[in-house]
N, C-alpha and C. Protein backbone atom coordinates (compact mmCIF):
# COMPACT_ATOMS: atom_id res chain seq x y z
N MET A 1 203.09 -64.69 -141.88
CA MET A 1 204.22 -64.54 -140.99
C MET A 1 204.19 -65.69 -139.98
N ALA A 2 205.32 -66.30 -139.77
CA ALA A 2 205.44 -67.40 -138.80
C ALA A 2 206.06 -66.87 -137.51
N VAL A 3 205.59 -67.41 -136.41
CA VAL A 3 206.13 -67.07 -135.10
C VAL A 3 206.68 -68.35 -134.49
N ALA A 4 207.91 -68.29 -134.01
CA ALA A 4 208.54 -69.47 -133.42
C ALA A 4 208.78 -69.26 -131.93
N ARG A 5 208.93 -70.35 -131.25
CA ARG A 5 209.23 -70.32 -129.82
C ARG A 5 210.39 -71.26 -129.56
N VAL A 6 211.17 -70.97 -128.52
CA VAL A 6 212.29 -71.82 -128.14
C VAL A 6 212.04 -72.32 -126.72
N THR A 7 212.21 -73.61 -126.53
CA THR A 7 212.08 -74.18 -125.20
C THR A 7 213.33 -74.98 -124.87
N GLU A 8 213.73 -74.96 -123.62
CA GLU A 8 214.92 -75.70 -123.21
C GLU A 8 214.52 -77.07 -122.68
N VAL A 9 215.33 -78.06 -123.04
CA VAL A 9 215.10 -79.44 -122.64
C VAL A 9 216.41 -79.98 -122.07
N VAL A 10 216.30 -80.72 -120.97
CA VAL A 10 217.47 -81.38 -120.37
C VAL A 10 217.23 -82.87 -120.42
N THR A 11 218.18 -83.62 -120.98
CA THR A 11 218.05 -85.07 -121.10
C THR A 11 219.33 -85.74 -120.64
N SER A 12 219.22 -87.05 -120.40
CA SER A 12 220.41 -87.81 -120.01
C SER A 12 220.38 -89.20 -120.62
N SER A 13 221.54 -89.82 -120.70
CA SER A 13 221.67 -91.16 -121.24
C SER A 13 222.87 -91.84 -120.59
N THR A 14 222.80 -93.13 -120.46
CA THR A 14 223.96 -93.88 -119.96
C THR A 14 224.84 -94.33 -121.13
N GLU A 15 224.41 -94.06 -122.37
CA GLU A 15 225.14 -94.52 -123.55
C GLU A 15 226.12 -93.48 -124.11
N SER A 16 225.59 -92.25 -124.43
CA SER A 16 226.43 -91.24 -125.10
C SER A 16 225.71 -89.89 -125.13
N PHE A 17 226.48 -88.84 -125.48
CA PHE A 17 225.87 -87.53 -125.67
C PHE A 17 224.89 -87.60 -126.84
N HIS A 18 225.28 -88.26 -127.91
CA HIS A 18 224.41 -88.38 -129.09
C HIS A 18 223.08 -89.03 -128.71
N ASP A 19 223.12 -90.08 -127.91
CA ASP A 19 221.90 -90.75 -127.48
C ASP A 19 221.03 -89.82 -126.63
N ALA A 20 221.64 -89.04 -125.76
CA ALA A 20 220.89 -88.10 -124.93
C ALA A 20 220.19 -87.06 -125.81
N ILE A 21 220.89 -86.57 -126.82
CA ILE A 21 220.30 -85.60 -127.75
C ILE A 21 219.13 -86.23 -128.50
N GLN A 22 219.33 -87.43 -129.01
CA GLN A 22 218.28 -88.11 -129.77
C GLN A 22 217.05 -88.35 -128.90
N GLN A 23 217.25 -88.75 -127.66
CA GLN A 23 216.12 -88.97 -126.74
C GLN A 23 215.36 -87.67 -126.50
N GLY A 24 216.09 -86.56 -126.35
CA GLY A 24 215.43 -85.27 -126.15
C GLY A 24 214.60 -84.85 -127.34
N ILE A 25 215.12 -85.08 -128.53
CA ILE A 25 214.37 -84.73 -129.75
C ILE A 25 213.14 -85.62 -129.89
N GLU A 26 213.31 -86.92 -129.66
CA GLU A 26 212.18 -87.84 -129.78
C GLU A 26 211.09 -87.50 -128.76
N ARG A 27 211.50 -87.19 -127.54
CA ARG A 27 210.51 -86.84 -126.51
C ARG A 27 209.82 -85.52 -126.85
N GLY A 28 210.59 -84.54 -127.31
CA GLY A 28 210.02 -83.26 -127.69
C GLY A 28 209.01 -83.39 -128.83
N ALA A 29 209.28 -84.30 -129.76
CA ALA A 29 208.40 -84.49 -130.91
C ALA A 29 207.03 -85.01 -130.51
N ARG A 30 206.93 -85.62 -129.33
CA ARG A 30 205.63 -86.13 -128.87
C ARG A 30 204.67 -85.00 -128.48
N THR A 31 205.21 -83.85 -128.06
CA THR A 31 204.34 -82.76 -127.60
C THR A 31 204.56 -81.44 -128.32
N LEU A 32 205.69 -81.26 -128.97
CA LEU A 32 205.97 -80.00 -129.68
C LEU A 32 205.78 -80.21 -131.18
N ARG A 33 204.74 -79.60 -131.73
CA ARG A 33 204.50 -79.69 -133.17
C ARG A 33 205.32 -78.62 -133.88
N GLY A 34 205.76 -78.91 -135.07
CA GLY A 34 206.46 -77.93 -135.90
C GLY A 34 207.89 -77.66 -135.49
N MET A 35 208.58 -78.66 -134.92
CA MET A 35 209.99 -78.46 -134.55
C MET A 35 210.81 -78.20 -135.81
N THR A 36 211.67 -77.20 -135.74
CA THR A 36 212.47 -76.84 -136.91
C THR A 36 213.97 -76.90 -136.67
N GLY A 37 214.39 -76.96 -135.42
CA GLY A 37 215.83 -76.99 -135.16
C GLY A 37 216.13 -77.12 -133.68
N MET A 38 217.40 -77.34 -133.39
CA MET A 38 217.84 -77.42 -132.00
C MET A 38 219.29 -76.96 -131.90
N LYS A 39 219.65 -76.57 -130.69
CA LYS A 39 221.01 -76.13 -130.41
C LYS A 39 221.42 -76.73 -129.06
N VAL A 40 222.57 -77.38 -129.03
CA VAL A 40 223.08 -77.91 -127.78
C VAL A 40 223.70 -76.75 -127.00
N LEU A 41 223.17 -76.51 -125.80
CA LEU A 41 223.65 -75.41 -124.97
C LEU A 41 224.77 -75.85 -124.03
N GLU A 42 224.68 -77.10 -123.56
CA GLU A 42 225.66 -77.56 -122.59
C GLU A 42 225.70 -79.09 -122.57
N GLN A 43 226.89 -79.62 -122.37
CA GLN A 43 227.07 -81.05 -122.20
C GLN A 43 227.82 -81.27 -120.90
N LYS A 44 227.33 -82.23 -120.10
CA LYS A 44 227.98 -82.56 -118.84
C LYS A 44 227.99 -84.08 -118.73
N ALA A 45 228.85 -84.58 -117.86
CA ALA A 45 228.89 -86.02 -117.62
C ALA A 45 229.05 -86.28 -116.13
N LYS A 46 228.39 -87.33 -115.68
CA LYS A 46 228.52 -87.78 -114.30
C LYS A 46 229.60 -88.85 -114.27
N ILE A 47 230.51 -88.74 -113.32
CA ILE A 47 231.62 -89.69 -113.22
C ILE A 47 231.56 -90.41 -111.88
N GLU A 48 231.70 -91.72 -111.94
CA GLU A 48 231.79 -92.53 -110.73
C GLU A 48 232.94 -93.52 -110.89
N ASN A 49 233.81 -93.57 -109.91
CA ASN A 49 234.95 -94.49 -109.92
C ASN A 49 235.79 -94.35 -111.19
N GLY A 50 235.98 -93.11 -111.64
CA GLY A 50 236.82 -92.85 -112.80
C GLY A 50 236.20 -93.17 -114.15
N LYS A 51 234.91 -93.46 -114.19
CA LYS A 51 234.24 -93.77 -115.45
C LYS A 51 232.98 -92.92 -115.60
N ILE A 52 232.66 -92.57 -116.84
CA ILE A 52 231.44 -91.81 -117.11
C ILE A 52 230.26 -92.76 -116.96
N THR A 53 229.32 -92.38 -116.11
CA THR A 53 228.13 -93.21 -115.88
C THR A 53 226.85 -92.59 -116.45
N GLU A 54 226.90 -91.30 -116.79
CA GLU A 54 225.72 -90.64 -117.34
C GLU A 54 226.14 -89.42 -118.15
N TYR A 55 225.58 -89.30 -119.34
CA TYR A 55 225.81 -88.15 -120.23
C TYR A 55 224.59 -87.25 -120.14
N ARG A 56 224.82 -85.97 -119.90
CA ARG A 56 223.72 -85.02 -119.74
C ARG A 56 223.83 -83.90 -120.77
N VAL A 57 222.70 -83.55 -121.35
CA VAL A 57 222.67 -82.53 -122.40
C VAL A 57 221.54 -81.54 -122.11
N GLN A 58 221.87 -80.26 -122.23
CA GLN A 58 220.85 -79.20 -122.18
C GLN A 58 220.77 -78.64 -123.58
N MET A 59 219.55 -78.60 -124.15
CA MET A 59 219.39 -78.10 -125.52
C MET A 59 218.21 -77.16 -125.64
N ALA A 60 218.26 -76.33 -126.66
CA ALA A 60 217.16 -75.42 -126.99
C ALA A 60 216.51 -75.94 -128.27
N ILE A 61 215.22 -76.20 -128.20
CA ILE A 61 214.47 -76.69 -129.37
C ILE A 61 213.58 -75.56 -129.87
N THR A 62 213.66 -75.30 -131.18
CA THR A 62 212.84 -74.26 -131.81
C THR A 62 211.67 -74.92 -132.51
N PHE A 63 210.47 -74.34 -132.33
CA PHE A 63 209.29 -74.85 -133.02
C PHE A 63 208.39 -73.69 -133.41
N VAL A 64 207.68 -73.86 -134.52
CA VAL A 64 206.80 -72.83 -135.06
C VAL A 64 205.43 -72.99 -134.40
N LEU A 65 204.89 -71.87 -133.92
CA LEU A 65 203.58 -71.88 -133.28
C LEU A 65 202.47 -72.02 -134.32
N ASP A 66 201.41 -72.75 -133.96
CA ASP A 66 200.25 -72.89 -134.85
C ASP A 66 199.54 -71.54 -134.98
N ASP A 67 198.90 -71.34 -136.12
CA ASP A 67 198.10 -70.12 -136.33
C ASP A 67 196.81 -70.19 -135.55
């Protein structure tokens, strides 16, 4: 029987939502073994002078716990 855990991660990027997501997954992979999936919970953007200056993503990453 496998047991999984879900942890929330918040990341940001000045490039795009996709880049913020990718950075979160790459960072999570450094410390979370057995990642099996993720779900984007929320996307936000910071706006300055009428332009998006930062893309922010909150995601839930699922990983299987070691035996």
